[in-house]
Amino acid sequence: MLQTDETTPESPAGESPKTTALFEGDSGELPFEARRVLVQLLIGPSVDGRRHRNLWPALLQHRDSIRSRLNDLFLDLVLDTDQQVAFVRQADTGDLEAPVLLRRAPLTFLESALLLHLRGLLADAELRGERAVVSQDEMLSHMQLYERHLNTDPAGFERRAKAAIEKIKKNSLISAIRGSEGRFEISPTLGLLFSAEQVAELARIYAQLRGTPAEAKP
């Protein structure tokens, strides 16, 4: 006797057949484009609408599913559609003893000072409706404000300052501008990493540090 409905043992009532399998044994539910976005978010440091033109539309289309997968790992999706940037951070789980997936690399004194400076340049550029651009010489000059405070030899200081710039570049918080040697665009992602309160507190501390050597001059 022929069956009169579409239900089969492989497709229980109320469930649609899986159509997202990409390889043998694949039990994933996300389509290929959404999986690529998820992987890029986990690799880090961000998904940028300008640098990842193929991934950004997929992120917007599948954001709820991607956020759900990240939440399964005790992670949060931070998404700014205006700036077209997104990244992943550890979820605030309160008293829940959740495992920590993301590795945290501590910042050096100079790296923190540089990030704060770039964050300020980004905020100023956004107010003017412009791209935030900075030169390597400008970054080095800013960090030199702290040279006397660190009390180190000039050659050693320069090496550490250049290493700080390289670390910022490696994390895609600045990207080289083609055809403009030594100039970089500051990623909008940086604007999401620090709250206004954190920026204000860090700015106060570093301003005091900069002022200490200057005030001590005869």
Protein backbone atom coordinates (compact mmCIF):
# COMPACT_ATOMS: atom_id res chain seq x y z
CA MET A 1 0.00 0.00 0.00
CA LEU A 2 1.38 3.38 -0.97
CA GLN A 3 1.95 6.04 1.68
CA THR A 4 -0.23 9.12 1.29
CA ASP A 5 2.01 11.55 3.22
CA GLU A 6 5.62 12.71 2.81
CA THR A 7 6.84 11.45 6.19
CA THR A 8 9.64 8.89 6.06
CA PRO A 9 11.72 7.21 8.79
CA GLU A 10 14.63 9.45 7.76
CA SER A 11 12.46 12.60 7.91
CA PRO A 12 10.22 12.58 11.03
CA ALA A 13 6.98 14.52 11.02
CA GLY A 14 7.52 18.24 11.56
CA GLU A 15 11.18 18.17 10.48
CA SER A 16 12.49 19.15 7.08
CA PRO A 17 15.31 17.18 5.46
CA LYS A 18 18.77 18.64 6.08
CA THR A 19 20.12 20.53 3.10
CA THR A 20 23.25 22.08 4.63
CA ALA A 21 25.56 19.06 4.72
CA LEU A 22 28.82 20.04 3.06
CA PHE A 23 30.85 16.88 3.52
CA GLU A 24 30.39 13.25 4.49
CA GLY A 25 29.11 12.95 8.05
CA ASP A 26 28.40 16.70 8.30
CA SER A 27 25.71 17.37 10.92
CA GLY A 28 26.11 21.14 10.91
CA GLU A 29 23.09 23.33 10.33
CA LEU A 30 24.65 26.56 9.07
CA PRO A 31 25.08 27.21 5.34
CA PHE A 32 28.57 27.53 3.91
CA GLU A 33 28.68 31.34 3.97
CA ALA A 34 27.61 31.52 7.63
CA ARG A 35 30.22 28.95 8.61
CA ARG A 36 32.94 31.02 6.95
CA VAL A 37 31.85 34.04 8.98
CA LEU A 38 31.84 32.02 12.19
CA VAL A 39 35.36 30.75 11.53
CA GLN A 40 36.65 34.25 10.76
CA LEU A 41 35.14 35.57 13.99
CA LEU A 42 36.83 32.81 15.99
CA ILE A 43 40.16 33.31 14.23
CA GLY A 44 39.83 37.04 14.83
CA PRO A 45 40.42 39.73 15.40
CA SER A 46 37.28 40.90 13.59
CA VAL A 47 35.04 40.87 10.54
CA ASP A 48 35.27 44.19 8.74
CA GLY A 49 32.75 45.14 6.06
CA ARG A 50 35.43 46.87 4.02
CA ARG A 51 38.06 44.14 4.26
CA HIS A 52 35.65 41.20 4.19
CA ARG A 53 33.19 42.25 1.52
CA ASN A 54 32.00 38.70 0.92
CA LEU A 55 31.58 37.83 4.58
CA TRP A 56 29.78 40.93 5.82
CA PRO A 57 26.45 40.32 4.01
CA ALA A 58 26.45 36.73 5.25
CA LEU A 59 27.05 37.93 8.82
CA LEU A 60 24.06 40.26 8.64
CA GLN A 61 21.86 37.59 7.10
CA HIS A 62 22.74 34.88 9.63
CA ARG A 63 23.58 36.97 12.68
CA ASP A 64 21.05 35.28 14.98
CA SER A 65 22.27 31.78 14.13
CA ILE A 66 25.91 32.83 14.42
CA ARG A 67 25.28 34.52 17.76
CA SER A 68 23.55 31.35 18.98
CA ARG A 69 26.56 29.20 18.04
CA LEU A 70 28.89 31.61 19.82
CA ASN A 71 26.70 31.65 22.91
CA ASP A 72 27.03 27.85 23.03
CA LEU A 73 30.75 28.52 23.57
CA PHE A 74 30.15 31.22 26.24
CA LEU A 75 31.05 33.93 23.73
CA ASP A 76 29.29 37.14 22.70
CA LEU A 77 29.00 38.70 19.25
CA VAL A 78 29.72 42.43 19.24
CA LEU A 79 28.26 43.93 16.08
CA ASP A 80 28.18 47.55 14.89
CA THR A 81 26.26 47.83 11.63
CA ASP A 82 27.01 51.55 11.25
CA GLN A 83 30.78 51.04 11.37
CA GLN A 84 30.50 47.61 9.67
CA VAL A 85 32.66 45.81 12.20
CA ALA A 86 32.08 42.76 14.37
CA PHE A 87 34.17 40.72 16.77
CA VAL A 88 33.86 38.12 19.51
CA ARG A 89 34.47 38.56 23.22
CA GLN A 90 34.08 36.35 26.25
CA ALA A 91 30.52 36.47 27.55
CA ASP A 92 29.85 37.94 30.97
CA THR A 93 28.57 34.83 32.74
CA GLY A 94 28.53 36.28 36.23
CA ASP A 95 29.05 33.65 38.93
CA LEU A 96 28.79 30.81 36.43
CA GLU A 97 32.11 28.98 36.23
CA ALA A 98 32.21 28.90 32.44
CA PRO A 99 35.33 27.78 30.58
CA VAL A 100 37.29 30.54 28.86
CA LEU A 101 37.94 29.94 25.18
CA LEU A 102 39.53 33.21 24.12
CA ARG A 103 43.15 33.82 24.97
CA ARG A 104 43.99 37.19 26.45
CA ALA A 105 47.35 38.72 25.64
CA PRO A 106 48.34 41.37 28.19
CA LEU A 107 49.27 44.76 26.79
CA THR A 108 52.56 46.41 27.54
CA PHE A 109 52.72 49.97 28.81
CA LEU A 110 53.57 51.32 25.35
CA GLU A 111 50.91 49.23 23.61
CA SER A 112 48.27 50.60 25.97
CA ALA A 113 49.47 54.15 25.41
CA LEU A 114 49.40 53.68 21.65
CA LEU A 115 45.93 52.15 21.66
CA LEU A 116 44.60 55.01 23.73
CA HIS A 117 46.11 57.52 21.29
CA LEU A 118 44.62 55.71 18.29
CA ARG A 119 41.25 55.51 20.04
CA GLY A 120 41.29 59.29 20.42
CA LEU A 121 42.22 59.83 16.77
CA LEU A 122 39.40 57.52 15.73
CA ALA A 123 36.85 59.41 17.82
CA ASP A 124 37.97 62.76 16.39
CA ALA A 125 37.80 61.45 12.82
CA GLU A 126 34.33 60.01 13.37
CA LEU A 127 33.09 63.39 14.60
CA ARG A 128 34.35 64.96 11.37
CA GLY A 129 32.93 62.15 9.26
CA GLU A 130 36.39 61.24 7.99
CA ARG A 131 38.59 58.15 7.83
CA ALA A 132 40.94 57.88 10.79
CA VAL A 133 44.50 57.95 9.43
CA VAL A 134 47.80 57.93 11.30
CA SER A 135 51.45 57.77 10.26
CA GLN A 136 54.15 55.62 11.78
CA ASP A 137 56.16 58.72 12.64
CA GLU A 138 53.17 60.14 14.51
CA MET A 139 52.75 56.94 16.52
CA LEU A 140 56.45 56.88 17.39
CA SER A 141 56.37 60.55 18.39
CA HIS A 142 53.42 59.95 20.69
CA MET A 143 55.11 57.06 22.44
CA GLN A 144 58.26 59.12 22.89
CA LEU A 145 56.29 61.24 25.36
CA TYR A 146 56.73 58.35 27.79
CA GLU A 147 60.42 57.71 27.13
CA ARG A 148 61.72 59.59 30.15
CA HIS A 149 59.08 58.03 32.36
CA LEU A 150 60.25 54.54 31.37
CA ASN A 151 63.88 55.56 31.92
CA THR A 152 65.29 53.31 29.22
CA ASP A 153 67.99 53.68 26.62
CA PRO A 154 66.88 55.36 23.36
CA ALA A 155 67.70 52.35 21.18
CA GLY A 156 65.81 49.96 23.44
CA PHE A 157 62.85 52.31 23.62
CA GLU A 158 62.64 52.59 19.83
CA ARG A 159 62.67 48.82 19.46
CA ARG A 160 59.81 48.45 21.93
CA ALA A 161 57.87 51.28 20.29
CA LYS A 162 58.17 49.68 16.85
CA ALA A 163 57.21 46.31 18.35
CA ALA A 164 54.06 47.93 19.78
CA ILE A 165 53.13 49.21 16.31
CA GLU A 166 53.71 45.77 14.80
CA LYS A 167 51.45 44.15 17.40
CA ILE A 168 48.66 46.64 16.64
CA LYS A 169 49.09 45.90 12.93
CA LYS A 170 49.06 42.15 13.51
CA ASN A 171 45.72 42.45 15.29
CA SER A 172 44.31 44.44 12.33
CA LEU A 173 43.61 47.54 14.42
CA ILE A 174 45.54 49.53 11.85
CA SER A 175 45.99 48.64 8.18
CA ALA A 176 48.47 50.02 5.67
CA ILE A 177 47.10 52.45 3.10
CA ARG A 178 48.07 51.44 -0.41
CA GLY A 179 50.25 53.94 -2.21
CA SER A 180 50.94 55.87 0.99
CA GLU A 181 54.07 54.55 2.63
CA GLY A 182 54.13 54.70 6.40
CA ARG A 183 50.47 55.69 6.72
CA PHE A 184 47.71 53.56 8.21
CA GLU A 185 43.95 53.59 8.60
CA ILE A 186 42.65 52.97 12.12
CA SER A 187 40.04 50.22 12.27
CA PRO A 188 36.59 51.16 13.63
CA THR A 189 36.85 47.98 15.72
CA LEU A 190 39.00 49.94 18.15
CA GLY A 191 36.01 52.10 18.99
CA LEU A 192 34.18 49.06 20.36
CA LEU A 193 36.99 47.75 22.54
CA PHE A 194 36.95 50.51 25.15
CA SER A 195 33.95 52.11 26.81
CA ALA A 196 33.84 55.88 27.26
CA GLU A 197 34.50 55.39 30.98
CA GLN A 198 37.57 53.25 30.32
CA VAL A 199 38.93 55.78 27.84
CA ALA A 200 38.46 58.64 30.29
CA GLU A 201 40.17 56.77 33.13
CA LEU A 202 43.09 55.64 30.98
CA ALA A 203 43.48 59.14 29.56
CA ARG A 204 43.68 60.58 33.09
CA ILE A 205 46.33 58.08 34.16
CA TYR A 206 48.49 58.53 31.08
CA ALA A 207 48.19 62.31 31.21
CA GLN A 208 49.61 62.20 34.74
CA LEU A 209 52.44 59.99 33.56
CA ARG A 210 53.27 62.34 30.71
CA GLY A 211 53.15 65.32 33.02
CA THR A 212 55.47 63.88 35.68
CA PRO A 213 58.76 64.25 33.75
CA ALA A 214 57.73 67.61 32.30
CA GLU A 215 56.92 69.08 35.71
CA ALA A 216 60.18 67.80 37.10
CA LYS A 217 62.20 69.86 34.59
CA PRO A 218 64.17 72.75 36.10
